[in-house]
Amino acid sequence: MIVLELLSAFLICLGIFFFFASAVGLLRFPDTLCRMHALAKADNLALGCVIMGAMLRQTDLYAVGKLLLIWVVTLLSSATGGFLLAQRIRRKNLALERDI
């Protein structure tokens, strides 16, 4: 039992580290596409670590399923939102290049 608690705490702390790293990347990277990359990769990994840590602490299979569903929906919405935002930025940059 103590091993699961330690592993859970480690995963949650690792998730917090990746959330912090993505926030630093959001503030430090020069352009929008680099910032999106930092957020998409690090936030999804961080959320996965936190969800896995929380799943180890659950005793109810229903709660584990809900946590897993939250992670899957977040992954899908992050990918879709990132794609749409990158596509918009690309179109805007192409329009700016044509004007020059």
N, C-alpha and C. Protein backbone atom coordinates (compact mmCIF):
# COMPACT_ATOMS: atom_id res chain seq x y z
N MET A 1 0.82 -1.19 0.00
CA MET A 1 0.00 0.00 0.00
C MET A 1 0.86 1.26 0.00
N ILE A 2 1.94 1.24 0.73
CA ILE A 2 2.81 2.42 0.79
C ILE A 2 3.49 2.69 -0.55
N VAL A 3 3.73 1.61 -1.31
CA VAL A 3 4.36 1.77 -2.63
C VAL A 3 3.41 2.51 -3.58
N LEU A 4 2.12 2.17 -3.55
CA LEU A 4 1.16 2.86 -4.40
C LEU A 4 1.02 4.33 -4.03
N GLU A 5 1.06 4.63 -2.74
CA GLU A 5 0.96 6.02 -2.30
C GLU A 5 2.19 6.82 -2.73
N LEU A 6 3.36 6.20 -2.62
CA LEU A 6 4.58 6.89 -3.05
C LEU A 6 4.60 7.09 -4.56
N LEU A 7 4.18 6.08 -5.31
CA LEU A 7 4.12 6.21 -6.76
C LEU A 7 3.10 7.27 -7.17
N SER A 8 1.98 7.30 -6.48
CA SER A 8 0.96 8.30 -6.75
C SER A 8 1.48 9.71 -6.47
N ALA A 9 2.14 9.88 -5.35
CA ALA A 9 2.70 11.19 -5.01
C ALA A 9 3.78 11.60 -6.01
N PHE A 10 4.60 10.64 -6.44
CA PHE A 10 5.64 10.94 -7.43
C PHE A 10 5.01 11.39 -8.75
N LEU A 11 3.98 10.68 -9.22
CA LEU A 11 3.33 11.05 -10.48
C LEU A 11 2.67 12.42 -10.40
N ILE A 12 2.05 12.72 -9.28
CA ILE A 12 1.41 14.03 -9.13
C ILE A 12 2.46 15.13 -9.09
N CYS A 13 3.56 14.91 -8.39
CA CYS A 13 4.64 15.90 -8.37
C CYS A 13 5.28 16.07 -9.75
N LEU A 14 5.42 14.98 -10.48
CA LEU A 14 5.95 15.05 -11.84
C LEU A 14 5.01 15.84 -12.74
N GLY A 15 3.72 15.64 -12.57
CA GLY A 15 2.73 16.41 -13.32
C GLY A 15 2.81 17.89 -13.01
N ILE A 16 2.98 18.22 -11.74
CA ILE A 16 3.12 19.63 -11.35
C ILE A 16 4.37 20.23 -11.99
N PHE A 17 5.45 19.47 -12.04
CA PHE A 17 6.68 19.95 -12.68
C PHE A 17 6.44 20.25 -14.16
N PHE A 18 5.74 19.35 -14.86
CA PHE A 18 5.49 19.58 -16.28
C PHE A 18 4.53 20.73 -16.51
N PHE A 19 3.56 20.93 -15.62
CA PHE A 19 2.69 22.11 -15.73
C PHE A 19 3.52 23.38 -15.58
N PHE A 20 4.43 23.38 -14.63
CA PHE A 20 5.30 24.54 -14.43
C PHE A 20 6.18 24.76 -15.66
N ALA A 21 6.73 23.69 -16.21
CA ALA A 21 7.58 23.80 -17.40
C ALA A 21 6.80 24.36 -18.59
N SER A 22 5.56 23.96 -18.74
CA SER A 22 4.76 24.49 -19.85
C SER A 22 4.44 25.97 -19.64
N ALA A 23 4.24 26.37 -18.40
CA ALA A 23 4.00 27.79 -18.13
C ALA A 23 5.24 28.61 -18.43
N VAL A 24 6.40 28.09 -18.11
CA VAL A 24 7.65 28.79 -18.43
C VAL A 24 7.82 28.87 -19.95
N GLY A 25 7.52 27.78 -20.65
CA GLY A 25 7.60 27.80 -22.11
C GLY A 25 6.63 28.79 -22.72
N LEU A 26 5.45 28.91 -22.14
CA LEU A 26 4.48 29.88 -22.63
C LEU A 26 5.01 31.31 -22.50
N LEU A 27 5.72 31.57 -21.44
CA LEU A 27 6.25 32.92 -21.22
C LEU A 27 7.54 33.19 -21.98
N ARG A 28 8.34 32.16 -22.24
CA ARG A 28 9.68 32.38 -22.78
C ARG A 28 9.80 32.20 -24.29
N PHE A 29 8.96 31.37 -24.90
CA PHE A 29 9.13 31.10 -26.33
C PHE A 29 8.73 32.31 -27.16
N PRO A 30 9.39 32.49 -28.32
CA PRO A 30 9.25 33.73 -29.06
C PRO A 30 7.96 33.89 -29.86
N ASP A 31 7.44 32.83 -30.47
CA ASP A 31 6.27 33.01 -31.32
C ASP A 31 5.14 32.08 -30.90
N THR A 32 4.01 32.27 -31.52
CA THR A 32 2.79 31.58 -31.12
C THR A 32 2.88 30.07 -31.35
N LEU A 33 3.46 29.66 -32.45
CA LEU A 33 3.53 28.22 -32.73
C LEU A 33 4.42 27.50 -31.72
N CYS A 34 5.53 28.10 -31.34
CA CYS A 34 6.39 27.50 -30.31
C CYS A 34 5.67 27.43 -28.97
N ARG A 35 4.92 28.46 -28.65
CA ARG A 35 4.16 28.46 -27.39
C ARG A 35 3.09 27.38 -27.40
N MET A 36 2.43 27.22 -28.55
CA MET A 36 1.41 26.17 -28.66
C MET A 36 2.04 24.80 -28.48
N HIS A 37 3.22 24.61 -29.05
CA HIS A 37 3.90 23.33 -28.93
C HIS A 37 4.22 23.02 -27.46
N ALA A 38 4.73 24.03 -26.75
CA ALA A 38 5.04 23.83 -25.33
C ALA A 38 3.79 23.47 -24.53
N LEU A 39 2.71 24.18 -24.81
CA LEU A 39 1.48 23.90 -24.06
C LEU A 39 0.90 22.55 -24.42
N ALA A 40 0.87 22.22 -25.69
CA ALA A 40 0.25 20.96 -26.09
C ALA A 40 1.00 19.76 -25.55
N LYS A 41 2.30 19.77 -25.66
CA LYS A 41 3.09 18.61 -25.22
C LYS A 41 3.16 18.51 -23.70
N ALA A 42 3.60 19.58 -23.06
CA ALA A 42 3.83 19.51 -21.62
C ALA A 42 2.52 19.42 -20.83
N ASP A 43 1.50 20.13 -21.25
CA ASP A 43 0.23 20.08 -20.50
C ASP A 43 -0.43 18.71 -20.62
N ASN A 44 -0.38 18.11 -21.79
CA ASN A 44 -0.98 16.77 -21.93
C ASN A 44 -0.21 15.74 -21.11
N LEU A 45 1.10 15.84 -21.11
CA LEU A 45 1.90 14.92 -20.30
C LEU A 45 1.66 15.18 -18.81
N ALA A 46 1.59 16.44 -18.43
CA ALA A 46 1.35 16.77 -17.02
C ALA A 46 -0.01 16.28 -16.56
N LEU A 47 -1.02 16.51 -17.38
CA LEU A 47 -2.35 16.04 -17.01
C LEU A 47 -2.38 14.52 -16.91
N GLY A 48 -1.68 13.85 -17.82
CA GLY A 48 -1.60 12.39 -17.77
C GLY A 48 -0.97 11.91 -16.48
N CYS A 49 0.11 12.56 -16.06
CA CYS A 49 0.77 12.17 -14.80
C CYS A 49 -0.13 12.40 -13.60
N VAL A 50 -0.80 13.54 -13.56
CA VAL A 50 -1.69 13.84 -12.44
C VAL A 50 -2.87 12.87 -12.42
N ILE A 51 -3.45 12.59 -13.58
CA ILE A 51 -4.56 11.64 -13.65
C ILE A 51 -4.13 10.25 -13.22
N MET A 52 -2.95 9.82 -13.69
CA MET A 52 -2.46 8.49 -13.28
C MET A 52 -2.22 8.44 -11.77
N GLY A 53 -1.67 9.51 -11.21
CA GLY A 53 -1.47 9.57 -9.77
C GLY A 53 -2.78 9.53 -9.02
N ALA A 54 -3.78 10.23 -9.54
CA ALA A 54 -5.10 10.21 -8.90
C ALA A 54 -5.78 8.86 -9.05
N MET A 55 -5.55 8.20 -10.20
CA MET A 55 -6.16 6.89 -10.42
C MET A 55 -5.61 5.85 -9.44
N LEU A 56 -4.33 5.97 -9.09
CA LEU A 56 -3.75 5.03 -8.13
C LEU A 56 -4.34 5.18 -6.74
N ARG A 57 -4.88 6.33 -6.44
CA ARG A 57 -5.46 6.58 -5.11
C ARG A 57 -6.93 6.17 -5.03
N GLN A 58 -7.55 5.88 -6.16
CA GLN A 58 -8.98 5.55 -6.17
C GLN A 58 -9.20 4.08 -5.84
N THR A 59 -10.30 3.81 -5.16
CA THR A 59 -10.68 2.43 -4.88
C THR A 59 -11.88 2.01 -5.73
N ASP A 60 -12.60 2.98 -6.26
CA ASP A 60 -13.78 2.72 -7.07
C ASP A 60 -13.41 2.71 -8.55
N LEU A 61 -13.80 1.66 -9.25
CA LEU A 61 -13.50 1.55 -10.68
C LEU A 61 -14.24 2.61 -11.48
N TYR A 62 -15.41 3.03 -11.02
CA TYR A 62 -16.18 4.08 -11.69
C TYR A 62 -15.42 5.41 -11.68
N ALA A 63 -14.79 5.74 -10.56
CA ALA A 63 -14.02 6.98 -10.46
C ALA A 63 -12.78 6.91 -11.38
N VAL A 64 -12.17 5.75 -11.48
CA VAL A 64 -11.02 5.58 -12.38
C VAL A 64 -11.46 5.80 -13.82
N GLY A 65 -12.60 5.27 -14.18
CA GLY A 65 -13.13 5.46 -15.53
C GLY A 65 -13.42 6.92 -15.84
N LYS A 66 -13.97 7.63 -14.86
CA LYS A 66 -14.24 9.05 -15.07
C LYS A 66 -12.95 9.84 -15.25
N LEU A 67 -11.93 9.52 -14.46
CA LEU A 67 -10.64 10.20 -14.61
C LEU A 67 -10.03 9.92 -15.98
N LEU A 68 -10.12 8.70 -16.43
CA LEU A 68 -9.60 8.34 -17.74
C LEU A 68 -10.38 9.06 -18.84
N LEU A 69 -11.69 9.17 -18.70
CA LEU A 69 -12.50 9.88 -19.67
C LEU A 69 -12.14 11.37 -19.72
N ILE A 70 -11.88 11.96 -18.57
CA ILE A 70 -11.46 13.36 -18.52
C ILE A 70 -10.17 13.55 -19.31
N TRP A 71 -9.24 12.63 -19.13
CA TRP A 71 -7.95 12.74 -19.82
C TRP A 71 -8.13 12.60 -21.33
N VAL A 72 -8.93 11.64 -21.76
CA VAL A 72 -9.14 11.42 -23.20
C VAL A 72 -9.83 12.62 -23.84
N VAL A 73 -10.86 13.15 -23.19
CA VAL A 73 -11.57 14.31 -23.74
C VAL A 73 -10.64 15.52 -23.81
N THR A 74 -9.82 15.70 -22.81
CA THR A 74 -8.87 16.81 -22.81
C THR A 74 -7.84 16.65 -23.92
N LEU A 75 -7.34 15.45 -24.13
CA LEU A 75 -6.39 15.20 -25.21
C LEU A 75 -7.01 15.53 -26.57
N LEU A 76 -8.24 15.09 -26.78
CA LEU A 76 -8.91 15.35 -28.06
C LEU A 76 -9.19 16.84 -28.27
N SER A 77 -9.66 17.50 -27.24
CA SER A 77 -9.97 18.93 -27.39
C SER A 77 -8.69 19.76 -27.54
N SER A 78 -7.63 19.37 -26.88
CA SER A 78 -6.36 20.08 -27.02
C SER A 78 -5.81 19.93 -28.43
N ALA A 79 -5.88 18.72 -28.97
CA ALA A 79 -5.39 18.49 -30.33
C ALA A 79 -6.22 19.26 -31.35
N THR A 80 -7.53 19.24 -31.19
CA THR A 80 -8.41 19.94 -32.12
C THR A 80 -8.22 21.45 -32.04
N GLY A 81 -8.19 21.96 -30.82
CA GLY A 81 -7.98 23.40 -30.65
C GLY A 81 -6.62 23.87 -31.15
N GLY A 82 -5.60 23.08 -30.90
CA GLY A 82 -4.26 23.42 -31.38
C GLY A 82 -4.19 23.42 -32.89
N PHE A 83 -4.83 22.44 -33.52
CA PHE A 83 -4.85 22.38 -34.98
C PHE A 83 -5.55 23.59 -35.58
N LEU A 84 -6.71 23.93 -35.04
CA LEU A 84 -7.46 25.06 -35.57
C LEU A 84 -6.72 26.38 -35.37
N LEU A 85 -6.10 26.53 -34.22
CA LEU A 85 -5.34 27.75 -33.97
C LEU A 85 -4.11 27.85 -34.87
N ALA A 86 -3.40 26.75 -35.05
CA ALA A 86 -2.23 26.75 -35.93
C ALA A 86 -2.64 27.01 -37.38
N GLN A 87 -3.76 26.45 -37.80
CA GLN A 87 -4.24 26.68 -39.15
C GLN A 87 -4.58 28.16 -39.37
N ARG A 88 -5.19 28.77 -38.38
CA ARG A 88 -5.53 30.20 -38.46
C ARG A 88 -4.27 31.05 -38.51
N ILE A 89 -3.30 30.72 -37.70
CA ILE A 89 -2.05 31.48 -37.69
C ILE A 89 -1.33 31.33 -39.03
N ARG A 90 -1.34 30.13 -39.56
CA ARG A 90 -0.69 29.88 -40.85
C ARG A 90 -1.35 30.69 -41.96
N ARG A 91 -2.66 30.70 -41.99
CA ARG A 91 -3.39 31.48 -43.00
C ARG A 91 -3.10 32.97 -42.85
N LYS A 92 -3.06 33.44 -41.63
CA LYS A 92 -2.79 34.86 -41.39
C LYS A 92 -1.38 35.21 -41.82
N ASN A 93 -0.41 34.36 -41.52
CA ASN A 93 0.97 34.63 -41.92
C ASN A 93 1.13 34.56 -43.43
N LEU A 94 0.43 33.66 -44.11
CA LEU A 94 0.49 33.61 -45.57
C LEU A 94 -0.10 34.87 -46.16
N ALA A 95 -1.18 35.38 -45.58
CA ALA A 95 -1.78 36.62 -46.06
C ALA A 95 -0.82 37.79 -45.86
N LEU A 96 -0.11 37.81 -44.73
CA LEU A 96 0.85 38.88 -44.48
C LEU A 96 2.02 38.81 -45.45
N GLU A 97 2.47 37.60 -45.79
CA GLU A 97 3.58 37.45 -46.72
C GLU A 97 3.18 37.90 -48.12
N ARG A 98 1.96 37.70 -48.52
CA ARG A 98 1.50 38.13 -49.85
C ARG A 98 1.45 39.64 -49.95
N ASP A 99 1.16 40.31 -48.84
CA ASP A 99 1.07 41.77 -48.86
C ASP A 99 2.43 42.42 -48.98
N ILE A 100 3.48 41.73 -48.61
CA ILE A 100 4.82 42.33 -48.62
C ILE A 100 5.37 42.43 -50.01
